[in-house]
Amino acid sequence: MIAKRYFPLALVALLSSTLMSCELITGIFKAGVWTGIIAIVVVLALVIWLISRIFGSKD
């Protein structure tokens, strides 16, 4: 009797936590993509700056 009474509530709790975790994982992947893009831009800027310092004009 108790299982019948709380089954819908448990099902809703399970589904809501499952859907929330999907959104959380999506957010983590989006943050990871943007972090990777920013890291690549920073590394490329650093490499270009170093190359310009090494091969730049010697005034």
Protein backbone atom coordinates (compact mmCIF):
# COMPACT_ATOMS: atom_id res chain seq x y z
CA MET A 1 0.00 0.00 0.00
CA ILE A 2 2.78 2.44 0.88
CA ALA A 3 4.67 1.61 -2.33
CA LYS A 4 1.60 2.46 -4.44
CA ARG A 5 1.21 5.71 -2.58
CA TYR A 6 4.79 6.96 -3.02
CA PHE A 7 5.57 5.46 -6.43
CA PRO A 8 4.41 8.49 -8.48
CA LEU A 9 6.38 10.84 -6.23
CA ALA A 10 9.50 8.69 -6.53
CA LEU A 11 9.06 8.50 -10.30
CA VAL A 12 8.75 12.28 -10.61
CA ALA A 13 11.81 12.77 -8.38
CA LEU A 14 13.83 10.30 -10.45
CA LEU A 15 12.83 11.88 -13.75
CA SER A 16 13.49 15.43 -12.56
CA SER A 17 16.92 14.53 -11.19
CA THR A 18 17.76 12.70 -14.43
CA LEU A 19 16.76 15.66 -16.57
CA MET A 20 18.67 18.07 -14.35
CA SER A 21 21.82 16.00 -14.62
CA CYS A 22 21.59 16.13 -18.43
CA GLU A 23 21.42 19.91 -18.27
CA LEU A 24 24.37 19.95 -15.89
CA ILE A 25 26.48 17.79 -18.20
CA THR A 26 25.52 20.01 -21.14
CA GLY A 27 26.64 23.06 -19.18
CA ILE A 28 29.95 21.43 -18.29
CA PHE A 29 30.64 20.55 -21.91
CA LYS A 30 29.80 24.08 -23.05
CA ALA A 31 32.14 25.51 -20.42
CA GLY A 32 34.81 23.05 -21.52
CA VAL A 33 34.47 24.07 -25.15
CA TRP A 34 34.74 27.77 -24.32
CA THR A 35 37.66 27.15 -21.98
CA GLY A 36 39.42 25.22 -24.74
CA ILE A 37 38.78 27.95 -27.30
CA ILE A 38 40.07 30.64 -24.94
CA ALA A 39 43.16 28.55 -24.12
CA ILE A 40 43.94 28.05 -27.82
CA VAL A 41 43.56 31.78 -28.53
CA VAL A 42 45.85 32.66 -25.61
CA VAL A 43 48.49 30.11 -26.67
CA LEU A 44 48.39 31.31 -30.29
CA ALA A 45 48.73 34.94 -29.17
CA LEU A 46 51.69 33.98 -26.98
CA VAL A 47 53.39 32.10 -29.83
CA ILE A 48 52.85 35.01 -32.25
CA TRP A 49 54.20 37.45 -29.65
CA LEU A 50 57.29 35.29 -29.06
CA ILE A 51 57.95 34.92 -32.79
CA SER A 52 57.63 38.67 -33.28
CA ARG A 53 60.07 39.27 -30.40
CA ILE A 54 62.60 36.80 -31.81
CA PHE A 55 62.39 37.77 -35.48
CA GLY A 56 61.33 41.39 -35.01
CA SER A 57 63.32 44.40 -36.10
CA LYS A 58 66.50 45.17 -34.12
CA ASP A 59 66.16 48.96 -33.81
